[in-house]
Amino acid sequence: MARKKKHEEHEEHVNHERWMLSYADILTLLLALFIVMFAISKVDQKKFETFAQGTAESFGQANLALQGQTGSLNGGDGILTDQSPGQDTAVPANEADQANPMVQAALQREKAAAAAAAAERASLEKLREKISGQLNAAGLGDAVKFEVNERGLVVNIVTDKVLFDTGQSTLRPEGRKVIDTIAPILKPIPNFLSVEGHTDDVPLAGARSNWELSTDRAAAVLRTLAAEGIPTSKLSASGYADQRPISSNASDSGRSRNRRVAVVVLPTVPLDGTAAAANAAQQPAASAAASAG
């Protein structure tokens, strides 16, 4: 009897639609999530108002906490219902900030700094008027130009035929007269003084440079101020050559204005109204210090 042939075993059929089960599970979970979110979004208006009032009173801010709160929930079944575009139902930021002690302290510091800056600027303006009046009385009004800016009171003294001879760093008698006039006014003030030498852009004949000339001239004025009794701990000197012009070097008149020595009365507080302690440039400097730059 012939043996029956054994049927070949077929591979198990692969189910290519198993992903639909996972997809259905995800949809079911999302539906459940949305149902839960919808359920918790329903707010009991009366309970919410009671809770808001109690919380606000505990922090001593009932008026701010209740302002605009009831209007944000009236007639709404959900957290986003009946909220018109652009409507802000939160407490205004400026009111919240005003109730913050740290913000209040910062605002007070800013106000104090602004008031101190205004008072300092007024003081420098009075000092300018006093110096100008004394120089005019001595017939030296044309030798000095003033400016009050963020650096302080800048007293620009022209060098030509006033402080120095051309290319020299020895004070002329007219220059010493100018220093003798302004020194008694500067002596009692608490401000630090920075003496700055400046030249035009014309190179000097010989080995001496404009850097050296501007520095030597600043040092000469500093020594004269110190000799007039101004404490050396309040004085510093520096030379800038032609790097800080106040006029164009293209003309003779412009170059003449650029050749100057500036006595800068530094402010005791920043004139921009910031809350910083003091101008870093007002730290004591050695009286003989004269740096090229």
C-alpha atoms as a PDB file:
ATOM      1  CA  MET A   1       0.000   0.000   0.000  1.00  0.00           C
ATOM      2  CA  ALA A   2       1.390   3.304  -1.065  1.00  0.00           C
ATOM      3  CA  ARG A   3       2.270   5.716   1.744  1.00  0.00           C
ATOM      4  CA  LYS A   4       0.369   8.959   1.562  1.00  0.00           C
ATOM      5  CA  LYS A   5       2.441  11.972   0.980  1.00  0.00           C
ATOM      6  CA  LYS A   6       2.741  14.235   3.929  1.00  0.00           C
ATOM      7  CA  HIS A   7       1.140  17.639   3.381  1.00  0.00           C
ATOM      8  CA  GLU A   8       3.633  20.467   3.453  1.00  0.00           C
ATOM      9  CA  GLU A   9       3.189  22.773   6.432  1.00  0.00           C
ATOM     10  CA  HIS A  10       2.494  26.359   5.409  1.00  0.00           C
ATOM     11  CA  GLU A  11       3.999  29.355   7.237  1.00  0.00           C
ATOM     12  CA  GLU A  12       1.688  31.131   9.661  1.00  0.00           C
ATOM     13  CA  HIS A  13      -0.188  33.955   7.965  1.00  0.00           C
ATOM     14  CA  VAL A  14       1.197  37.337   9.001  1.00  0.00           C
ATOM     15  CA  ASN A  15      -1.476  39.768  10.128  1.00  0.00           C
ATOM     16  CA  HIS A  16      -0.622  43.110   8.482  1.00  0.00           C
ATOM     17  CA  GLU A  17      -3.497  44.934  10.186  1.00  0.00           C
ATOM     18  CA  ARG A  18      -2.238  44.707  13.783  1.00  0.00           C
ATOM     19  CA  TRP A  19      -1.419  48.434  13.695  1.00  0.00           C
ATOM     20  CA  MET A  20      -5.156  49.138  13.707  1.00  0.00           C
ATOM     21  CA  LEU A  21      -5.394  47.760  17.244  1.00  0.00           C
ATOM     22  CA  SER A  22      -2.711  50.163  18.516  1.00  0.00           C
ATOM     23  CA  TYR A  23      -4.315  53.019  16.612  1.00  0.00           C
ATOM     24  CA  ALA A  24      -7.699  52.238  18.175  1.00  0.00           C
ATOM     25  CA  ASP A  25      -6.122  52.110  21.646  1.00  0.00           C
ATOM     26  CA  ILE A  26      -4.577  55.566  21.116  1.00  0.00           C
ATOM     27  CA  LEU A  27      -7.899  57.007  19.960  1.00  0.00           C
ATOM     28  CA  THR A  28      -9.606  55.544  22.985  1.00  0.00           C
ATOM     29  CA  LEU A  29      -7.028  57.087  25.324  1.00  0.00           C
ATOM     30  CA  LEU A  30      -7.298  60.474  23.626  1.00  0.00           C
ATOM     31  CA  LEU A  31     -11.070  60.382  23.879  1.00  0.00           C
ATOM     32  CA  ALA A  32     -10.813  59.589  27.577  1.00  0.00           C
ATOM     33  CA  LEU A  33      -8.344  62.439  28.036  1.00  0.00           C
ATOM     34  CA  PHE A  34     -10.621  64.962  26.339  1.00  0.00           C
ATOM     35  CA  ILE A  35     -13.576  63.802  28.423  1.00  0.00           C
ATOM     36  CA  VAL A  36     -11.563  64.290  31.624  1.00  0.00           C
ATOM     37  CA  MET A  37     -10.353  67.736  30.506  1.00  0.00           C
ATOM     38  CA  PHE A  38     -13.900  68.776  29.655  1.00  0.00           C
ATOM     39  CA  ALA A  39     -15.150  67.530  33.008  1.00  0.00           C
ATOM     40  CA  ILE A  40     -12.538  69.393  35.096  1.00  0.00           C
ATOM     41  CA  SER A  41     -12.970  72.602  33.071  1.00  0.00           C
ATOM     42  CA  LYS A  42     -16.450  73.121  34.492  1.00  0.00           C
ATOM     43  CA  VAL A  43     -16.004  75.592  37.359  1.00  0.00           C
ATOM     44  CA  ASP A  44     -18.433  76.165  40.169  1.00  0.00           C
ATOM     45  CA  GLN A  45     -18.691  79.973  40.008  1.00  0.00           C
ATOM     46  CA  LYS A  46     -19.761  80.457  43.606  1.00  0.00           C
ATOM     47  CA  LYS A  47     -17.091  78.157  45.022  1.00  0.00           C
ATOM     48  CA  PHE A  48     -14.419  79.842  42.894  1.00  0.00           C
ATOM     49  CA  GLU A  49     -15.381  83.319  44.121  1.00  0.00           C
ATOM     50  CA  THR A  50     -15.315  82.128  47.733  1.00  0.00           C
ATOM     51  CA  PHE A  51     -11.905  80.537  47.228  1.00  0.00           C
ATOM     52  CA  ALA A  52     -10.494  83.624  45.469  1.00  0.00           C
ATOM     53  CA  GLN A  53     -11.737  85.976  48.169  1.00  0.00           C
ATOM     54  CA  GLY A  54     -10.339  83.869  50.992  1.00  0.00           C
ATOM     55  CA  THR A  55      -6.949  83.516  49.313  1.00  0.00           C
ATOM     56  CA  ALA A  56      -6.723  87.220  48.553  1.00  0.00           C
ATOM     57  CA  GLU A  57      -7.621  88.238  52.098  1.00  0.00           C
ATOM     58  CA  SER A  58      -4.981  85.906  53.524  1.00  0.00           C
ATOM     59  CA  PHE A  59      -2.327  87.776  51.549  1.00  0.00           C
ATOM     60  CA  GLY A  60      -3.778  91.196  52.244  1.00  0.00           C
ATOM     61  CA  GLN A  61      -4.519  91.857  48.585  1.00  0.00           C
ATOM     62  CA  ALA A  62      -8.256  91.330  48.291  1.00  0.00           C
ATOM     63  CA  ASN A  63      -8.839  94.230  45.941  1.00  0.00           C
ATOM     64  CA  LEU A  64      -6.156  93.187  43.479  1.00  0.00           C
ATOM     65  CA  ALA A  65      -7.006  89.491  43.571  1.00  0.00           C
ATOM     66  CA  LEU A  66     -10.734  89.975  42.956  1.00  0.00           C
ATOM     67  CA  GLN A  67     -10.371  92.605  40.247  1.00  0.00           C
ATOM     68  CA  GLY A  68     -11.520  91.189  36.929  1.00  0.00           C
ATOM     69  CA  GLN A  69     -11.772  87.613  38.180  1.00  0.00           C
ATOM     70  CA  THR A  70     -15.563  87.079  38.054  1.00  0.00           C
ATOM     71  CA  GLY A  71     -15.831  88.484  34.548  1.00  0.00           C
ATOM     72  CA  SER A  72     -13.451  85.861  33.232  1.00  0.00           C
ATOM     73  CA  LEU A  73     -15.754  82.966  34.161  1.00  0.00           C
ATOM     74  CA  ASN A  74     -19.331  84.256  33.797  1.00  0.00           C
ATOM     75  CA  GLY A  75     -21.381  82.176  31.366  1.00  0.00           C
ATOM     76  CA  GLY A  76     -18.540  79.840  30.500  1.00  0.00           C
ATOM     77  CA  ASP A  77     -18.552  76.065  30.715  1.00  0.00           C
ATOM     78  CA  GLY A  78     -14.871  75.642  29.892  1.00  0.00           C
ATOM     79  CA  ILE A  79     -11.572  77.291  30.616  1.00  0.00           C
ATOM     80  CA  LEU A  80     -11.474  79.072  27.242  1.00  0.00           C
ATOM     81  CA  THR A  81     -15.198  79.782  26.809  1.00  0.00           C
ATOM     82  CA  ASP A  82     -16.459  83.366  26.372  1.00  0.00           C
ATOM     83  CA  GLN A  83     -12.978  84.854  26.456  1.00  0.00           C
ATOM     84  CA  SER A  84     -12.853  87.398  23.669  1.00  0.00           C
ATOM     85  CA  PRO A  85      -9.625  87.763  21.652  1.00  0.00           C
ATOM     86  CA  GLY A  86      -7.088  90.039  23.272  1.00  0.00           C
ATOM     87  CA  GLN A  87      -9.013  90.195  26.578  1.00  0.00           C
ATOM     88  CA  ASP A  88      -6.678  90.119  29.564  1.00  0.00           C
ATOM     89  CA  THR A  89      -8.375  88.906  32.717  1.00  0.00           C
ATOM     90  CA  ALA A  90      -5.253  88.788  34.876  1.00  0.00           C
ATOM     91  CA  VAL A  91      -4.249  91.455  37.347  1.00  0.00           C
ATOM     92  CA  PRO A  92      -2.273  94.178  35.469  1.00  0.00           C
ATOM     93  CA  ALA A  93       1.471  93.660  35.748  1.00  0.00           C
ATOM     94  CA  ASN A  94       2.139  97.193  36.952  1.00  0.00           C
ATOM     95  CA  GLU A  95      -0.314  96.805  39.847  1.00  0.00           C
ATOM     96  CA  ALA A  96       1.219  93.474  40.821  1.00  0.00           C
ATOM     97  CA  ASP A  97       4.703  94.978  40.643  1.00  0.00           C
ATOM     98  CA  GLN A  98       3.685  97.902  42.828  1.00  0.00           C
ATOM     99  CA  ALA A  99       2.612  95.475  45.544  1.00  0.00           C
ATOM    100  CA  ASN A 100       6.001  93.701  45.464  1.00  0.00           C
ATOM    101  CA  PRO A 101       8.352  95.013  48.186  1.00  0.00           C
ATOM    102  CA  MET A 102      11.441  94.255  46.077  1.00  0.00           C
ATOM    103  CA  VAL A 103      10.023  96.186  43.121  1.00  0.00           C
ATOM    104  CA  GLN A 104       9.111  99.059  45.424  1.00  0.00           C
ATOM    105  CA  ALA A 105      12.669  99.141  46.779  1.00  0.00           C
ATOM    106  CA  ALA A 106      14.114  99.144  43.245  1.00  0.00           C
ATOM    107  CA  LEU A 107      11.822 101.995  42.220  1.00  0.00           C
ATOM    108  CA  GLN A 108      12.866 103.982  45.276  1.00  0.00           C
ATOM    109  CA  ARG A 109      16.537 103.451  44.428  1.00  0.00           C
ATOM    110  CA  GLU A 110      15.961 104.619  40.862  1.00  0.00           C
ATOM    111  CA  LYS A 111      14.141 107.720  42.051  1.00  0.00           C
ATOM    112  CA  ALA A 112      16.900 108.479  44.544  1.00  0.00           C
ATOM    113  CA  ALA A 113      19.579 108.023  41.860  1.00  0.00           C
ATOM    114  CA  ALA A 114      17.713 110.306  39.435  1.00  0.00           C
ATOM    115  CA  ALA A 115      17.277 112.948  42.124  1.00  0.00           C
ATOM    116  CA  ALA A 116      20.968 112.735  43.069  1.00  0.00           C
ATOM    117  CA  ALA A 117      21.987 113.066  39.404  1.00  0.00           C
ATOM    118  CA  ALA A 118      19.787 116.138  38.956  1.00  0.00           C
ATOM    119  CA  ALA A 119      21.224 117.720  42.101  1.00  0.00           C
ATOM    120  CA  GLU A 120      24.801 116.965  40.980  1.00  0.00           C
ATOM    121  CA  ARG A 121      24.204 118.438  37.519  1.00  0.00           C
ATOM    122  CA  ALA A 122      22.756 121.590  39.091  1.00  0.00           C
ATOM    123  CA  SER A 123      25.802 121.813  41.363  1.00  0.00           C
ATOM    124  CA  LEU A 124      28.173 121.553  38.387  1.00  0.00           C
ATOM    125  CA  GLU A 125      26.214 124.232  36.524  1.00  0.00           C
ATOM    126  CA  LYS A 126      26.606 126.585  39.499  1.00  0.00           C
ATOM    127  CA  LEU A 127      30.315 125.779  39.601  1.00  0.00           C
ATOM    128  CA  ARG A 128      30.584 126.624  35.902  1.00  0.00           C
ATOM    129  CA  GLU A 129      28.878 129.972  36.447  1.00  0.00           C
ATOM    130  CA  LYS A 130      31.197 130.789  39.337  1.00  0.00           C
ATOM    131  CA  ILE A 131      34.368 129.946  37.402  1.00  0.00           C
ATOM    132  CA  SER A 132      33.122 131.822  34.336  1.00  0.00           C
ATOM    133  CA  GLY A 133      32.329 134.890  36.436  1.00  0.00           C
ATOM    134  CA  GLN A 134      35.789 134.930  38.014  1.00  0.00           C
ATOM    135  CA  LEU A 135      37.551 134.519  34.656  1.00  0.00           C
ATOM    136  CA  ASN A 136      35.473 137.274  33.066  1.00  0.00           C
ATOM    137  CA  ALA A 137      36.304 139.581  35.962  1.00  0.00           C
ATOM    138  CA  ALA A 138      40.000 138.852  35.379  1.00  0.00           C
ATOM    139  CA  GLY A 139      39.695 139.486  31.628  1.00  0.00           C
ATOM    140  CA  LEU A 140      40.322 135.801  30.819  1.00  0.00           C
ATOM    141  CA  GLY A 141      36.834 134.760  29.671  1.00  0.00           C
ATOM    142  CA  ASP A 142      37.958 133.994  26.118  1.00  0.00           C
ATOM    143  CA  ALA A 143      40.621 131.560  27.307  1.00  0.00           C
ATOM    144  CA  VAL A 144      38.174 128.943  28.597  1.00  0.00           C
ATOM    145  CA  LYS A 145      35.243 127.012  27.121  1.00  0.00           C
ATOM    146  CA  PHE A 146      32.863 125.021  29.330  1.00  0.00           C
ATOM    147  CA  GLU A 147      30.756 121.917  28.828  1.00  0.00           C
ATOM    148  CA  VAL A 148      28.625 119.873  31.221  1.00  0.00           C
ATOM    149  CA  ASN A 149      28.106 116.310  30.001  1.00  0.00           C
ATOM    150  CA  GLU A 150      27.978 112.780  31.411  1.00  0.00           C
ATOM    151  CA  ARG A 151      31.670 113.057  32.344  1.00  0.00           C
ATOM    152  CA  GLY A 152      31.066 116.107  34.520  1.00  0.00           C
ATOM    153  CA  LEU A 153      32.128 119.745  34.130  1.00  0.00           C
ATOM    154  CA  VAL A 154      34.770 120.037  31.391  1.00  0.00           C
ATOM    155  CA  VAL A 155      36.860 123.223  31.567  1.00  0.00           C
ATOM    156  CA  ASN A 156      38.740 123.485  28.252  1.00  0.00           C
ATOM    157  CA  ILE A 157      41.658 125.918  28.496  1.00  0.00           C
ATOM    158  CA  VAL A 158      43.200 126.906  25.146  1.00  0.00           C
ATOM    159  CA  THR A 159      46.962 126.573  24.998  1.00  0.00           C
ATOM    160  CA  ASP A 160      47.864 129.006  22.192  1.00  0.00           C
ATOM    161  CA  LYS A 161      49.298 132.189  23.709  1.00  0.00           C
ATOM    162  CA  VAL A 162      47.584 131.369  26.993  1.00  0.00           C
ATOM    163  CA  LEU A 163      48.916 128.261  28.711  1.00  0.00           C
ATOM    164  CA  PHE A 164      51.991 127.409  26.637  1.00  0.00           C
ATOM    165  CA  ASP A 165      54.136 128.569  23.769  1.00  0.00           C
ATOM    166  CA  THR A 166      54.045 126.507  20.585  1.00  0.00           C
ATOM    167  CA  GLY A 167      55.552 123.063  21.158  1.00  0.00           C
ATOM    168  CA  GLN A 168      56.396 123.843  24.802  1.00  0.00           C
ATOM    169  CA  SER A 169      55.150 122.475  28.123  1.00  0.00           C
ATOM    170  CA  THR A 170      56.234 125.290  30.448  1.00  0.00           C
ATOM    171  CA  LEU A 171      53.355 127.447  31.692  1.00  0.00           C
ATOM    172  CA  ARG A 172      53.239 131.026  30.436  1.00  0.00           C
ATOM    173  CA  PRO A 173      52.431 133.835  32.919  1.00  0.00           C
ATOM    174  CA  GLU A 174      48.968 134.130  31.330  1.00  0.00           C
ATOM    175  CA  GLY A 175      48.445 130.407  31.811  1.00  0.00           C
ATOM    176  CA  ARG A 176      49.458 130.542  35.447  1.00  0.00           C
ATOM    177  CA  LYS A 177      47.004 133.409  35.910  1.00  0.00           C
ATOM    178  CA  VAL A 178      44.184 131.227  34.569  1.00  0.00           C
ATOM    179  CA  ILE A 179      45.103 128.382  36.923  1.00  0.00           C
ATOM    180  CA  ASP A 180      45.443 130.776  39.855  1.00  0.00           C
ATOM    181  CA  THR A 181      41.924 132.037  39.137  1.00  0.00           C
ATOM    182  CA  ILE A 182      40.148 128.683  38.968  1.00  0.00           C
ATOM    183  CA  ALA A 183      42.172 126.787  41.623  1.00  0.00           C
ATOM    184  CA  PRO A 184      40.617 128.515  44.685  1.00  0.00           C
ATOM    185  CA  ILE A 185      37.151 127.625  43.347  1.00  0.00           C
ATOM    186  CA  LEU A 186      38.073 123.981  42.773  1.00  0.00           C
ATOM    187  CA  LYS A 187      39.938 123.528  46.055  1.00  0.00           C
ATOM    188  CA  PRO A 188      36.976 123.162  48.487  1.00  0.00           C
ATOM    189  CA  ILE A 189      34.782 120.914  46.326  1.00  0.00           C
ATOM    190  CA  PRO A 190      34.776 117.138  47.067  1.00  0.00           C
ATOM    191  CA  ASN A 191      34.998 116.128  43.385  1.00  0.00           C
ATOM    192  CA  PHE A 192      38.053 114.477  41.853  1.00  0.00           C
ATOM    193  CA  LEU A 193      39.794 116.340  39.035  1.00  0.00           C
ATOM    194  CA  SER A 194      41.195 114.850  35.836  1.00  0.00           C
ATOM    195  CA  VAL A 195      43.678 116.989  33.893  1.00  0.00           C
ATOM    196  CA  GLU A 196      43.867 116.023  30.200  1.00  0.00           C
ATOM    197  CA  GLY A 197      46.307 117.295  27.579  1.00  0.00           C
ATOM    198  CA  HIS A 198      45.326 117.493  23.873  1.00  0.00           C
ATOM    199  CA  THR A 199      47.091 118.566  20.670  1.00  0.00           C
ATOM    200  CA  ASP A 200      46.282 118.900  16.969  1.00  0.00           C
ATOM    201  CA  ASP A 201      47.423 116.362  14.362  1.00  0.00           C
ATOM    202  CA  VAL A 202      50.467 118.300  13.143  1.00  0.00           C
ATOM    203  CA  PRO A 203      53.673 116.352  13.928  1.00  0.00           C
ATOM    204  CA  LEU A 204      56.267 118.108  16.068  1.00  0.00           C
ATOM    205  CA  ALA A 205      59.723 118.889  14.798  1.00  0.00           C
ATOM    206  CA  GLY A 206      62.402 116.725  16.383  1.00  0.00           C
ATOM    207  CA  ALA A 207      62.105 113.523  18.371  1.00  0.00           C
ATOM    208  CA  ARG A 208      59.320 114.671  20.678  1.00  0.00           C
ATOM    209  CA  SER A 209      55.831 113.416  19.803  1.00  0.00           C
ATOM    210  CA  ASN A 210      52.381 114.884  20.393  1.00  0.00           C
ATOM    211  CA  TRP A 211      51.781 112.126  22.940  1.00  0.00           C
ATOM    212  CA  GLU A 212      54.690 113.347  25.046  1.00  0.00           C
ATOM    213  CA  LEU A 213      53.745 116.999  24.598  1.00  0.00           C
ATOM    214  CA  SER A 214      50.120 116.484  25.653  1.00  0.00           C
ATOM    215  CA  THR A 215      51.154 114.428  28.679  1.00  0.00           C
ATOM    216  CA  ASP A 216      53.817 116.946  29.789  1.00  0.00           C
ATOM    217  CA  ARG A 217      51.342 119.830  29.492  1.00  0.00           C
ATOM    218  CA  ALA A 218      48.738 117.985  31.581  1.00  0.00           C
ATOM    219  CA  ALA A 219      51.350 117.233  34.217  1.00  0.00           C
ATOM    220  CA  ALA A 220      52.423 120.895  34.305  1.00  0.00           C
ATOM    221  CA  VAL A 221      48.860 122.053  34.976  1.00  0.00           C
ATOM    222  CA  LEU A 222      48.436 119.315  37.598  1.00  0.00           C
ATOM    223  CA  ARG A 223      51.551 120.451  39.446  1.00  0.00           C
ATOM    224  CA  THR A 224      50.277 124.033  39.479  1.00  0.00           C
ATOM    225  CA  LEU A 225      46.891 122.975  40.862  1.00  0.00           C
ATOM    226  CA  ALA A 226      48.653 120.964  43.573  1.00  0.00           C
ATOM    227  CA  ALA A 227      50.814 123.960  44.412  1.00  0.00           C
ATOM    228  CA  GLU A 228      47.604 125.983  44.872  1.00  0.00           C
ATOM    229  CA  GLY A 229      46.548 123.629  47.658  1.00  0.00           C
ATOM    230  CA  ILE A 230      44.330 121.102  45.894  1.00  0.00           C
ATOM    231  CA  PRO A 231      44.983 117.679  47.508  1.00  0.00           C
ATOM    232  CA  THR A 232      47.091 115.486  45.262  1.00  0.00           C
ATOM    233  CA  SER A 233      44.873 112.499  46.109  1.00  0.00           C
ATOM    234  CA  LYS A 234      42.104 114.186  44.088  1.00  0.00           C
ATOM    235  CA  LEU A 235      44.241 114.819  40.994  1.00  0.00           C
ATOM    236  CA  SER A 236      45.223 112.740  37.971  1.00  0.00           C
ATOM    237  CA  ALA A 237      46.743 113.658  34.613  1.00  0.00           C
ATOM    238  CA  SER A 238      46.766 112.045  31.175  1.00  0.00           C
ATOM    239  CA  GLY A 239      47.713 112.918  27.595  1.00  0.00           C
ATOM    240  CA  TYR A 240      45.677 112.096  24.490  1.00  0.00           C
ATOM    241  CA  ALA A 241      47.638 113.815  21.682  1.00  0.00           C
ATOM    242  CA  ASP A 242      45.244 114.347  18.731  1.00  0.00           C
ATOM    243  CA  GLN A 243      42.931 111.394  19.513  1.00  0.00           C
ATOM    244  CA  ARG A 244      40.072 113.407  21.040  1.00  0.00           C
ATOM    245  CA  PRO A 245      39.520 116.495  18.888  1.00  0.00           C
ATOM    246  CA  ILE A 246      36.632 118.865  19.542  1.00  0.00           C
ATOM    247  CA  SER A 247      36.924 120.474  16.107  1.00  0.00           C
ATOM    248  CA  SER A 248      38.209 119.656  12.633  1.00  0.00           C
ATOM    249  CA  ASN A 249      41.966 119.701  12.089  1.00  0.00           C
ATOM    250  CA  ALA A 250      41.406 120.784   8.496  1.00  0.00           C
ATOM    251  CA  SER A 251      41.532 124.505   9.386  1.00  0.00           C
ATOM    252  CA  ASP A 252      43.792 126.702  11.496  1.00  0.00           C
ATOM    253  CA  SER A 253      40.912 127.707  13.773  1.00  0.00           C
ATOM    254  CA  GLY A 254      39.936 124.055  14.300  1.00  0.00           C
ATOM    255  CA  ARG A 255      43.496 123.036  15.137  1.00  0.00           C
ATOM    256  CA  SER A 256      43.720 125.949  17.551  1.00  0.00           C
ATOM    257  CA  ARG A 257      40.628 124.734  19.447  1.00  0.00           C
ATOM    258  CA  ASN A 258      42.019 121.218  19.598  1.00  0.00           C
ATOM    259  CA  ARG A 259      45.222 122.413  21.263  1.00  0.00           C
ATOM    260  CA  ARG A 260      43.977 122.586  24.833  1.00  0.00           C
ATOM    261  CA  VAL A 261      44.224 121.308  28.386  1.00  0.00           C
ATOM    262  CA  ALA A 262      40.922 120.147  29.904  1.00  0.00           C
ATOM    263  CA  VAL A 263      40.332 120.205  33.647  1.00  0.00           C
ATOM    264  CA  VAL A 264      37.432 117.798  34.164  1.00  0.00           C
ATOM    265  CA  VAL A 265      35.456 118.059  37.410  1.00  0.00           C
ATOM    266  CA  LEU A 266      34.214 114.493  37.799  1.00  0.00           C
ATOM    267  CA  PRO A 267      30.719 114.041  39.266  1.00  0.00           C
ATOM    268  CA  THR A 268      30.253 112.489  42.686  1.00  0.00           C
ATOM    269  CA  VAL A 269      27.350 110.406  41.305  1.00  0.00           C
ATOM    270  CA  PRO A 270      26.644 109.240  37.728  1.00  0.00           C
ATOM    271  CA  LEU A 271      24.832 111.962  35.797  1.00  0.00           C
ATOM    272  CA  ASP A 272      22.803 109.443  33.783  1.00  0.00           C
ATOM    273  CA  GLY A 273      20.663 108.626  36.818  1.00  0.00           C
ATOM    274  CA  THR A 274      21.808 105.013  37.214  1.00  0.00           C
ATOM    275  CA  ALA A 275      21.935 103.427  40.634  1.00  0.00           C
ATOM    276  CA  ALA A 276      25.678 102.745  40.426  1.00  0.00           C
ATOM    277  CA  ALA A 277      27.680 103.849  43.410  1.00  0.00           C
ATOM    278  CA  ALA A 278      30.184 106.285  41.918  1.00  0.00           C
ATOM    279  CA  ASN A 279      32.060 107.010  38.746  1.00  0.00           C
ATOM    280  CA  ALA A 280      35.009 104.623  38.510  1.00  0.00           C
ATOM    281  CA  ALA A 281      37.083 107.484  37.155  1.00  0.00           C
ATOM    282  CA  GLN A 282      36.762 109.207  40.522  1.00  0.00           C
ATOM    283  CA  GLN A 283      39.008 106.782  42.376  1.00  0.00           C
ATOM    284  CA  PRO A 284      42.042 108.508  43.905  1.00  0.00           C
ATOM    285  CA  ALA A 285      45.002 108.722  41.560  1.00  0.00           C
ATOM    286  CA  ALA A 286      48.608 109.612  42.229  1.00  0.00           C
ATOM    287  CA  SER A 287      49.241 113.306  41.722  1.00  0.00           C
ATOM    288  CA  ALA A 288      52.254 112.675  39.542  1.00  0.00           C
ATOM    289  CA  ALA A 289      50.467 110.130  37.331  1.00  0.00           C
ATOM    290  CA  ALA A 290      50.548 111.090  33.679  1.00  0.00           C
ATOM    291  CA  SER A 291      49.781 108.326  31.207  1.00  0.00           C
ATOM    292  CA  ALA A 292      49.990 108.456  27.430  1.00  0.00           C
ATOM    293  CA  GLY A 293      46.503 107.116  26.686  1.00  0.00           C
END
